Amino acid sequence: MVEVIQYYNVRFYLLLKDERERRWFSFLEERIMAGERMVMKDIYGWCASHGVRYWTRFCYRRDFPVTANLWNFYSYLRGKIDMGRAGREAADV
């Protein structure tokens, strides 16, 4: 089962394999719906700490100014680089 989290211009596609991962996702979803402030790094970290496979996609939003889309794309790329670096460092341990 695939669930989607939209964070500004970025969509997180979470691949939930079993009932346990669906339950974990429902807790995350409740936190988000309750208004808990999360940034992209928190979502990346949540997926990594729970062992949930995911992929991301940047989506240009016409309702945002060009400068906001550029900044969000830069943040998206930085997040991917940082999470890739964190994954390699964890593998080295």
PDB file of N, CA and C in Angstrom:
ATOM      1  N   MET A   1       0.839  -1.180   0.000  1.00  0.00           N
ATOM      2  CA  MET A   1       0.000   0.000   0.000  1.00  0.00           C
ATOM      3  C   MET A   1       0.887   1.248   0.000  1.00  0.00           C
ATOM      4  N   VAL A   2       0.534   2.214  -0.798  1.00  0.00           N
ATOM      5  CA  VAL A   2       1.306   3.450  -0.890  1.00  0.00           C
ATOM      6  C   VAL A   2       0.477   4.589  -0.319  1.00  0.00           C
ATOM      7  N   GLU A   3       1.082   5.332   0.602  1.00  0.00           N
ATOM      8  CA  GLU A   3       0.463   6.532   1.168  1.00  0.00           C
ATOM      9  C   GLU A   3       1.299   7.735   0.748  1.00  0.00           C
ATOM     10  N   VAL A   4       0.651   8.886   0.628  1.00  0.00           N
ATOM     11  CA  VAL A   4       1.330  10.095   0.160  1.00  0.00           C
ATOM     12  C   VAL A   4       1.246  11.181   1.227  1.00  0.00           C
ATOM     13  N   ILE A   5       2.384  11.826   1.470  1.00  0.00           N
ATOM     14  CA  ILE A   5       2.437  13.002   2.330  1.00  0.00           C
ATOM     15  C   ILE A   5       2.898  14.160   1.459  1.00  0.00           C
ATOM     16  N   GLN A   6       2.146  15.241   1.433  1.00  0.00           N
ATOM     17  CA  GLN A   6       2.516  16.432   0.668  1.00  0.00           C
ATOM     18  C   GLN A   6       3.154  17.435   1.616  1.00  0.00           C
ATOM     19  N   TYR A   7       4.389  17.842   1.317  1.00  0.00           N
ATOM     20  CA  TYR A   7       5.068  18.867   2.098  1.00  0.00           C
ATOM     21  C   TYR A   7       5.490  19.963   1.133  1.00  0.00           C
ATOM     22  N   TYR A   8       4.748  21.041   1.093  1.00  0.00           N
ATOM     23  CA  TYR A   8       4.938  22.121   0.124  1.00  0.00           C
ATOM     24  C   TYR A   8       5.021  21.531  -1.275  1.00  0.00           C
ATOM     25  N   ASN A   9       6.182  21.605  -1.924  1.00  0.00           N
ATOM     26  CA  ASN A   9       6.326  21.119  -3.291  1.00  0.00           C
ATOM     27  C   ASN A   9       6.743  19.649  -3.366  1.00  0.00           C
ATOM     28  N   VAL A  10       6.953  19.018  -2.254  1.00  0.00           N
ATOM     29  CA  VAL A  10       7.505  17.662  -2.244  1.00  0.00           C
ATOM     30  C   VAL A  10       6.433  16.660  -1.826  1.00  0.00           C
ATOM     31  N   ARG A  11       6.347  15.602  -2.604  1.00  0.00           N
ATOM     32  CA  ARG A  11       5.468  14.496  -2.240  1.00  0.00           C
ATOM     33  C   ARG A  11       6.326  13.333  -1.769  1.00  0.00           C
ATOM     34  N   PHE A  12       5.990  12.815  -0.605  1.00  0.00           N
ATOM     35  CA  PHE A  12       6.622  11.618  -0.073  1.00  0.00           C
ATOM     36  C   PHE A  12       5.687  10.455  -0.347  1.00  0.00           C
ATOM     37  N   TYR A  13       6.173   9.449  -1.030  1.00  0.00           N
ATOM     38  CA  TYR A  13       5.399   8.239  -1.284  1.00  0.00           C
ATOM     39  C   TYR A  13       5.948   7.161  -0.360  1.00  0.00           C
ATOM     40  N   LEU A  14       5.154   6.734   0.607  1.00  0.00           N
ATOM     41  CA  LEU A  14       5.579   5.745   1.581  1.00  0.00           C
ATOM     42  C   LEU A  14       5.007   4.388   1.207  1.00  0.00           C
ATOM     43  N   LEU A  15       5.881   3.399   1.100  1.00  0.00           N
ATOM     44  CA  LEU A  15       5.471   2.044   0.774  1.00  0.00           C
ATOM     45  C   LEU A  15       5.288   1.286   2.089  1.00  0.00           C
ATOM     46  N   LEU A  16       4.034   1.042   2.437  1.00  0.00           N
ATOM     47  CA  LEU A  16       3.702   0.371   3.697  1.00  0.00           C
ATOM     48  C   LEU A  16       3.454  -1.103   3.403  1.00  0.00           C
ATOM     49  N   LYS A  17       4.304  -1.969   3.975  1.00  0.00           N
ATOM     50  CA  LYS A  17       4.263  -3.391   3.642  1.00  0.00           C
ATOM     51  C   LYS A  17       3.220  -4.184   4.411  1.00  0.00           C
ATOM     52  N   ASP A  18       3.013  -3.836   5.664  1.00  0.00           N
ATOM     53  CA  ASP A  18       2.134  -4.668   6.489  1.00  0.00           C
ATOM     54  C   ASP A  18       1.297  -3.807   7.434  1.00  0.00           C
ATOM     55  N   GLU A  19       0.487  -4.470   8.226  1.00  0.00           N
ATOM     56  CA  GLU A  19      -0.415  -3.767   9.144  1.00  0.00           C
ATOM     57  C   GLU A  19       0.343  -2.920  10.162  1.00  0.00           C
ATOM     58  N   ARG A  20       1.488  -3.411  10.613  1.00  0.00           N
ATOM     59  CA  ARG A  20       2.288  -2.670  11.598  1.00  0.00           C
ATOM     60  C   ARG A  20       2.730  -1.325  11.031  1.00  0.00           C
ATOM     61  N   GLU A  21       3.222  -1.329   9.790  1.00  0.00           N
ATOM     62  CA  GLU A  21       3.654  -0.071   9.171  1.00  0.00           C
ATOM     63  C   GLU A  21       2.464   0.846   8.918  1.00  0.00           C
ATOM     64  N   ARG A  22       1.313   0.286   8.603  1.00  0.00           N
ATOM     65  CA  ARG A  22       0.105   1.114   8.433  1.00  0.00           C
ATOM     66  C   ARG A  22      -0.294   1.776   9.747  1.00  0.00           C
ATOM     67  N   ARG A  23      -0.151   1.049  10.838  1.00  0.00           N
ATOM     68  CA  ARG A  23      -0.462   1.603  12.158  1.00  0.00           C
ATOM     69  C   ARG A  23       0.518   2.729  12.485  1.00  0.00           C
ATOM     70  N   TRP A  24       1.799   2.509  12.222  1.00  0.00           N
ATOM     71  CA  TRP A  24       2.793   3.561  12.446  1.00  0.00           C
ATOM     72  C   TRP A  24       2.436   4.797  11.639  1.00  0.00           C
ATOM     73  N   PHE A  25       2.060   4.582  10.363  1.00  0.00           N
ATOM     74  CA  PHE A  25       1.702   5.718   9.510  1.00  0.00           C
ATOM     75  C   PHE A  25       0.482   6.446  10.067  1.00  0.00           C
ATOM     76  N   SER A  26      -0.484   5.703  10.590  1.00  0.00           N
ATOM     77  CA  SER A  26      -1.685   6.365  11.125  1.00  0.00           C
ATOM     78  C   SER A  26      -1.317   7.270  12.303  1.00  0.00           C
ATOM     79  N   PHE A  27      -0.336   6.864  13.116  1.00  0.00           N
ATOM     80  CA  PHE A  27       0.123   7.726  14.205  1.00  0.00           C
ATOM     81  C   PHE A  27       0.797   8.987  13.657  1.00  0.00           C
ATOM     82  N   LEU A  28       1.616   8.829  12.627  1.00  0.00           N
ATOM     83  CA  LEU A  28       2.252   9.991  11.992  1.00  0.00           C
ATOM     84  C   LEU A  28       1.191  10.904  11.400  1.00  0.00           C
ATOM     85  N   GLU A  29       0.227  10.324  10.726  1.00  0.00           N
ATOM     86  CA  GLU A  29      -0.848  11.094  10.110  1.00  0.00           C
ATOM     87  C   GLU A  29      -1.629  11.884  11.164  1.00  0.00           C
ATOM     88  N   GLU A  30      -1.908  11.261  12.301  1.00  0.00           N
ATOM     89  CA  GLU A  30      -2.602  11.957  13.390  1.00  0.00           C
ATOM     90  C   GLU A  30      -1.791  13.138  13.896  1.00  0.00           C
ATOM     91  N   ARG A  31      -0.484  12.952  14.022  1.00  0.00           N
ATOM     92  CA  ARG A  31       0.383  14.046  14.474  1.00  0.00           C
ATOM     93  C   ARG A  31       0.331  15.212  13.495  1.00  0.00           C
ATOM     94  N   ILE A  32       0.387  14.899  12.198  1.00  0.00           N
ATOM     95  CA  ILE A  32       0.350  15.951  11.179  1.00  0.00           C
ATOM     96  C   ILE A  32      -1.003  16.663  11.193  1.00  0.00           C
ATOM     97  N   MET A  33      -2.085  15.888  11.267  1.00  0.00           N
ATOM     98  CA  MET A  33      -3.434  16.467  11.267  1.00  0.00           C
ATOM     99  C   MET A  33      -3.689  17.300  12.524  1.00  0.00           C
ATOM    100  N   ALA A  34      -3.012  16.963  13.623  1.00  0.00           N
ATOM    101  CA  ALA A  34      -3.167  17.722  14.865  1.00  0.00           C
ATOM    102  C   ALA A  34      -2.411  19.053  14.808  1.00  0.00           C
ATOM    103  N   GLY A  35      -1.634  19.244  13.728  1.00  0.00           N
ATOM    104  CA  GLY A  35      -0.940  20.515  13.562  1.00  0.00           C
ATOM    105  C   GLY A  35       0.489  20.525  14.061  1.00  0.00           C
ATOM    106  N   GLU A  36       1.024  19.341  14.370  1.00  0.00           N
ATOM    107  CA  GLU A  36       2.425  19.296  14.807  1.00  0.00           C
ATOM    108  C   GLU A  36       3.306  19.791  13.669  1.00  0.00           C
ATOM    109  N   ARG A  37       4.213  20.674  14.009  1.00  0.00           N
ATOM    110  CA  ARG A  37       5.086  21.271  12.999  1.00  0.00           C
ATOM    111  C   ARG A  37       6.181  20.275  12.616  1.00  0.00           C
ATOM    112  N   MET A  38       6.256  19.979  11.328  1.00  0.00           N
ATOM    113  CA  MET A  38       7.274  19.063  10.813  1.00  0.00           C
ATOM    114  C   MET A  38       7.931  19.689   9.606  1.00  0.00           C
ATOM    115  N   VAL A  39       9.195  19.396   9.460  1.00  0.00           N
ATOM    116  CA  VAL A  39       9.928  19.821   8.272  1.00  0.00           C
ATOM    117  C   VAL A  39      10.294  18.566   7.486  1.00  0.00           C
ATOM    118  N   MET A  40      10.817  18.759   6.290  1.00  0.00           N
ATOM    119  CA  MET A  40      11.149  17.630   5.433  1.00  0.00           C
ATOM    120  C   MET A  40      12.086  16.646   6.128  1.00  0.00           C
ATOM    121  N   LYS A  41      13.051  17.181   6.851  1.00  0.00           N
ATOM    122  CA  LYS A  41      14.020  16.330   7.538  1.00  0.00           C
ATOM    123  C   LYS A  41      13.331  15.426   8.563  1.00  0.00           C
ATOM    124  N   ASP A  42      12.281  15.916   9.209  1.00  0.00           N
ATOM    125  CA  ASP A  42      11.531  15.101  10.172  1.00  0.00           C
ATOM    126  C   ASP A  42      10.851  13.922   9.476  1.00  0.00           C
ATOM    127  N   ILE A  43      10.305  14.168   8.304  1.00  0.00           N
ATOM    128  CA  ILE A  43       9.628  13.095   7.570  1.00  0.00           C
ATOM    129  C   ILE A  43      10.649  12.073   7.082  1.00  0.00           C
ATOM    130  N   TYR A  44      11.785  12.559   6.526  1.00  0.00           N
ATOM    131  CA  TYR A  44      12.864  11.652   6.136  1.00  0.00           C
ATOM    132  C   TYR A  44      13.289  10.806   7.344  1.00  0.00           C
ATOM    133  N   GLY A  45      13.510  11.481   8.464  1.00  0.00           N
ATOM    134  CA  GLY A  45      13.965  10.792   9.671  1.00  0.00           C
ATOM    135  C   GLY A  45      12.956   9.783  10.183  1.00  0.00           C
ATOM    136  N   TRP A  46      11.667  10.126  10.132  1.00  0.00           N
ATOM    137  CA  TRP A  46      10.629   9.204  10.580  1.00  0.00           C
ATOM    138  C   TRP A  46      10.654   7.934   9.742  1.00  0.00           C
ATOM    139  N   CYS A  47      10.744   8.105   8.430  1.00  0.00           N
ATOM    140  CA  CYS A  47      10.785   6.935   7.541  1.00  0.00           C
ATOM    141  C   CYS A  47      12.010   6.065   7.829  1.00  0.00           C
ATOM    142  N   ALA A  48      13.154   6.708   7.996  1.00  0.00           N
ATOM    143  CA  ALA A  48      14.375   5.956   8.259  1.00  0.00           C
ATOM    144  C   ALA A  48      14.311   5.233   9.605  1.00  0.00           C
ATOM    145  N   SER A  49      13.824   5.908  10.634  1.00  0.00           N
ATOM    146  CA  SER A  49      13.803   5.300  11.968  1.00  0.00           C
ATOM    147  C   SER A  49      12.798   4.162  12.078  1.00  0.00           C
ATOM    148  N   HIS A  50      11.739   4.188  11.239  1.00  0.00           N
ATOM    149  CA  HIS A  50      10.740   3.119  11.269  1.00  0.00           C
ATOM    150  C   HIS A  50      10.982   2.074  10.177  1.00  0.00           C
ATOM    151  N   GLY A  51      12.016   2.277   9.377  1.00  0.00           N
ATOM    152  CA  GLY A  51      12.338   1.319   8.320  1.00  0.00           C
ATOM    153  C   GLY A  51      11.311   1.282   7.208  1.00  0.00           C
ATOM    154  N   VAL A  52      10.621   2.399   6.996  1.00  0.00           N
ATOM    155  CA  VAL A  52       9.597   2.477   5.950  1.00  0.00           C
ATOM    156  C   VAL A  52      10.260   2.942   4.661  1.00  0.00           C
ATOM    157  N   ARG A  53      10.078   2.168   3.601  1.00  0.00           N
ATOM    158  CA  ARG A  53      10.637   2.555   2.300  1.00  0.00           C
ATOM    159  C   ARG A  53       9.812   3.716   1.738  1.00  0.00           C
ATOM    160  N   TYR A  54      10.492   4.627   1.074  1.00  0.00           N
ATOM    161  CA  TYR A  54       9.823   5.806   0.528  1.00  0.00           C
ATOM    162  C   TYR A  54      10.580   6.312  -0.678  1.00  0.00           C
ATOM    163  N   TRP A  55       9.918   7.113  -1.457  1.00  0.00           N
ATOM    164  CA  TRP A  55      10.578   7.885  -2.497  1.00  0.00           C
ATOM    165  C   TRP A  55       9.913   9.241  -2.528  1.00  0.00           C
ATOM    166  N   THR A  56      10.603  10.206  -3.101  1.00  0.00           N
ATOM    167  CA  THR A  56      10.100  11.570  -3.111  1.00  0.00           C
ATOM    168  C   THR A  56      10.028  12.083  -4.543  1.00  0.00           C
ATOM    169  N   ARG A  57       9.219  13.116  -4.708  1.00  0.00           N
ATOM    170  CA  ARG A  57       9.097  13.761  -6.017  1.00  0.00           C
ATOM    171  C   ARG A  57       8.826  15.240  -5.793  1.00  0.00           C
ATOM    172  N   PHE A  58       9.569  16.065  -6.498  1.00  0.00           N
ATOM    173  CA  PHE A  58       9.338  17.504  -6.459  1.00  0.00           C
ATOM    174  C   PHE A  58       8.283  17.852  -7.498  1.00  0.00           C
ATOM    175  N   CYS A  59       7.309  18.652  -7.107  1.00  0.00           N
ATOM    176  CA  CYS A  59       6.228  19.066  -8.010  1.00  0.00           C
ATOM    177  C   CYS A  59       6.184  20.590  -8.065  1.00  0.00           C
ATOM    178  N   TYR A  60       6.400  21.134  -9.262  1.00  0.00           N
ATOM    179  CA  TYR A  60       6.307  22.578  -9.438  1.00  0.00           C
ATOM    180  C   TYR A  60       4.864  22.999  -9.182  1.00  0.00           C
ATOM    181  N   ARG A  61       4.679  24.030  -8.358  1.00  0.00           N
ATOM    182  CA  ARG A  61       3.332  24.500  -8.034  1.00  0.00           C
ATOM    183  C   ARG A  61       3.110  25.877  -8.644  1.00  0.00           C
ATOM    184  N   ARG A  62       2.151  25.955  -9.513  1.00  0.00           N
ATOM    185  CA  ARG A  62       1.848  27.216 -10.189  1.00  0.00           C
ATOM    186  C   ARG A  62       1.267  28.255  -9.241  1.00  0.00           C
ATOM    187  N   ASP A  63       0.710  27.804  -8.113  1.00  0.00           N
ATOM    188  CA  ASP A  63       0.135  28.761  -7.163  1.00  0.00           C
ATOM    189  C   ASP A  63       1.209  29.394  -6.269  1.00  0.00           C
ATOM    190  N   PHE A  64       2.468  28.971  -6.404  1.00  0.00           N
ATOM    191  CA  PHE A  64       3.587  29.574  -5.676  1.00  0.00           C
ATOM    192  C   PHE A  64       4.368  30.466  -6.638  1.00  0.00           C
ATOM    193  N   PRO A  65       4.960  31.549  -6.134  1.00  0.00           N
ATOM    194  CA  PRO A  65       5.835  32.365  -6.992  1.00  0.00           C
ATOM    195  C   PRO A  65       7.051  31.544  -7.453  1.00  0.00           C
ATOM    196  N   VAL A  66       7.643  31.956  -8.556  1.00  0.00           N
ATOM    197  CA  VAL A  66       8.812  31.260  -9.102  1.00  0.00           C
ATOM    198  C   VAL A  66       9.920  31.186  -8.053  1.00  0.00           C
ATOM    199  N   THR A  67      10.148  32.277  -7.326  1.00  0.00           N
ATOM    200  CA  THR A  67      11.219  32.282  -6.321  1.00  0.00           C
ATOM    201  C   THR A  67      10.946  31.251  -5.221  1.00  0.00           C
ATOM    202  N   ALA A  68       9.694  31.108  -4.817  1.00  0.00           N
ATOM    203  CA  ALA A  68       9.353  30.106  -3.796  1.00  0.00           C
ATOM    204  C   ALA A  68       9.591  28.698  -4.336  1.00  0.00           C
ATOM    205  N   ASN A  69       9.212  28.464  -5.602  1.00  0.00           N
ATOM    206  CA  ASN A  69       9.458  27.159  -6.207  1.00  0.00           C
ATOM    207  C   ASN A  69      10.954  26.858  -6.287  1.00  0.00           C
ATOM    208  N   LEU A  70      11.753  27.856  -6.637  1.00  0.00           N
ATOM    209  CA  LEU A  70      13.207  27.663  -6.702  1.00  0.00           C
ATOM    210  C   LEU A  70      13.783  27.358  -5.320  1.00  0.00           C
ATOM    211  N   TRP A  71      13.355  28.109  -4.327  1.00  0.00           N
ATOM    212  CA  TRP A  71      13.848  27.877  -2.964  1.00  0.00           C
ATOM    213  C   TRP A  71      13.446  26.487  -2.475  1.00  0.00           C
ATOM    214  N   ASN A  72      12.194  26.098  -2.734  1.00  0.00           N
ATOM    215  CA  ASN A  72      11.728  24.785  -2.313  1.00  0.00           C
ATOM    216  C   ASN A  72      12.461  23.665  -3.048  1.00  0.00           C
ATOM    217  N   PHE A  73      12.815  23.898  -4.319  1.00  0.00           N
ATOM    218  CA  PHE A  73      13.583  22.897  -5.062  1.00  0.00           C
ATOM    219  C   PHE A  73      14.985  22.763  -4.482  1.00  0.00           C
ATOM    220  N   TYR A  74      15.597  23.900  -4.150  1.00  0.00           N
ATOM    221  CA  TYR A  74      16.914  23.875  -3.507  1.00  0.00           C
ATOM    222  C   TYR A  74      16.841  23.095  -2.183  1.00  0.00           C
ATOM    223  N   SER A  75      15.819  23.370  -1.379  1.00  0.00           N
ATOM    224  CA  SER A  75      15.655  22.668  -0.103  1.00  0.00           C
ATOM    225  C   SER A  75      15.448  21.172  -0.317  1.00  0.00           C
ATOM    226  N   TYR A  76      14.697  20.829  -1.346  1.00  0.00           N
ATOM    227  CA  TYR A  76      14.454  19.426  -1.694  1.00  0.00           C
ATOM    228  C   TYR A  76      15.767  18.729  -2.036  1.00  0.00           C
ATOM    229  N   LEU A  77      16.582  19.367  -2.891  1.00  0.00           N
ATOM    230  CA  LEU A  77      17.863  18.768  -3.267  1.00  0.00           C
ATOM    231  C   LEU A  77      18.795  18.638  -2.063  1.00  0.00           C
ATOM    232  N   ARG A  78      18.842  19.679  -1.229  1.00  0.00           N
ATOM    233  CA  ARG A  78      19.690  19.613  -0.026  1.00  0.00           C
ATOM    234  C   ARG A  78      19.236  18.470   0.880  1.00  0.00           C
ATOM    235  N   GLY A  79      17.937  18.301   1.036  1.00  0.00           N
ATOM    236  CA  GLY A  79      17.417  17.218   1.860  1.00  0.00           C
ATOM    237  C   GLY A  79      17.808  15.861   1.325  1.00  0.00           C
ATOM    238  N   LYS A  80      17.727  15.683   0.003  1.00  0.00           N
ATOM    239  CA  LYS A  80      18.115  14.410  -0.597  1.00  0.00           C
ATOM    240  C   LYS A  80      19.600  14.142  -0.393  1.00  0.00           C
ATOM    241  N   ILE A  81      20.413  15.183  -0.552  1.00  0.00           N
ATOM    242  CA  ILE A  81      21.856  15.024  -0.353  1.00  0.00           C
ATOM    243  C   ILE A  81      22.156  14.690   1.101  1.00  0.00           C
ATOM    244  N   ASP A  82      21.557  15.428   2.028  1.00  0.00           N
ATOM    245  CA  ASP A  82      21.806  15.190   3.453  1.00  0.00           C
ATOM    246  C   ASP A  82      21.342  13.803   3.880  1.00  0.00           C
ATOM    247  N   MET A  83      20.185  13.366   3.401  1.00  0.00           N
ATOM    248  CA  MET A  83      19.699  12.038   3.778  1.00  0.00           C
ATOM    249  C   MET A  83      20.560  10.950   3.153  1.00  0.00           C
ATOM    250  N   GLY A  84      21.054  11.177   1.945  1.00  0.00           N
ATOM    251  CA  GLY A  84      21.976  10.214   1.324  1.00  0.00           C
ATOM    252  C   GLY A  84      23.267  10.121   2.112  1.00  0.00           C
ATOM    253  N   ARG A  85      23.753  11.264   2.572  1.00  0.00           N
ATOM    254  CA  ARG A  85      24.972  11.296   3.372  1.00  0.00           C
ATOM    255  C   ARG A  85      24.740  10.596   4.712  1.00  0.00           C
ATOM    256  N   ALA A  86      23.597  10.837   5.324  1.00  0.00           N
ATOM    257  CA  ALA A  86      23.275  10.193   6.597  1.00  0.00           C
ATOM    258  C   ALA A  86      23.168   8.685   6.430  1.00  0.00           C
ATOM    259  N   GLY A  87      22.615   8.239   5.311  1.00  0.00           N
ATOM    260  CA  GLY A  87      22.514   6.805   5.034  1.00  0.00           C
ATOM    261  C   GLY A  87      23.866   6.156   4.865  1.00  0.00           C
ATOM    262  N   ARG A  88      24.773   6.836   4.182  1.00  0.00           N
ATOM    263  CA  ARG A  88      26.127   6.290   4.017  1.00  0.00           C
ATOM    264  C   ARG A  88      26.866   6.244   5.335  1.00  0.00           C
ATOM    265  N   GLU A  89      26.705   7.289   6.166  1.00  0.00           N
ATOM    266  CA  GLU A  89      27.379   7.306   7.458  1.00  0.00           C
ATOM    267  C   GLU A  89      26.843   6.190   8.349  1.00  0.00           C
ATOM    268  N   ALA A  90      25.539   5.938   8.306  1.00  0.00           N
ATOM    269  CA  ALA A  90      24.961   4.863   9.116  1.00  0.00           C
ATOM    270  C   ALA A  90      25.478   3.510   8.630  1.00  0.00           C
ATOM    271  N   ALA A  91      25.688   3.377   7.317  1.00  0.00           N
ATOM    272  CA  ALA A  91      26.199   2.106   6.772  1.00  0.00           C
ATOM    273  C   ALA A  91      27.643   1.874   7.149  1.00  0.00           C
ATOM    274  N   ASP A  92      28.396   2.949   7.374  1.00  0.00           N
ATOM    275  CA  ASP A  92      29.811   2.827   7.735  1.00  0.00           C
ATOM    276  C   ASP A  92      30.019   2.397   9.176  1.00  0.00           C
ATOM    277  N   VAL A  93      29.022   2.552  10.010  1.00  0.00           N
ATOM    278  CA  VAL A  93      29.174   2.250  11.440  1.00  0.00           C
ATOM    279  C   VAL A  93      29.219   0.775  11.672  1.00  0.00           C
TER     280      VAL A  93
END
